[in-house]
Amino acid sequence: MKDTNECIQQYLSAWHSRKDDNQYVSAGITGLSASEILQLFEHPALRLPEHKHAGVSLMVDLMAENESMYFDAIYGAMYGREGIRGWLIPMMKEIDFIEFTPTQPSAVFTGVSD
C-alpha cells in the first residue's frame, strides 16, 4: 500500500508548479489501488483554499490517456483524458463551491467487461 499522504503532497507540489490550468500533472503517482485512489480524493489537503480545484485536476490526471470516459448527466459522455480535461476543468472553475456527497459506495470498473 502506498502512502497517500506522500502521494497527495507530491501531486499538490506538481499541481502548483503547472503553467496553466489545463496542463497535465504527472507527479509520478502510479500503481495505486482503487481504494488508494479514493483515499486521495478524500484527503483533507484538497479542501484547503489554496488547493481549490486540485481535486478535479487530480481526478482527470489519474485517468487513462485514451481509454477514459466521463459521463455528465446533462452533457453526456466525453472520452480520453485530454478531451475530458478540456471540458471538465474550465466547467468546474466556473462553480464557486461544489461538494459531492456520496449517496452510495463508489463503483470501480477495471475493464471493458465490467
Foldseek 3Di string as FASTA:
>chain_A
DDDLVVQLVLQVVQCVPDPDQLDQGPSPDDDDDPVSLVVNLVDPVCVDPVNPLVSVSSVLNPDDAFQDWDQDPVPGIFTGSSRCSVPPSVVSVVDPDDDDDDPDDDDDDDDDVD
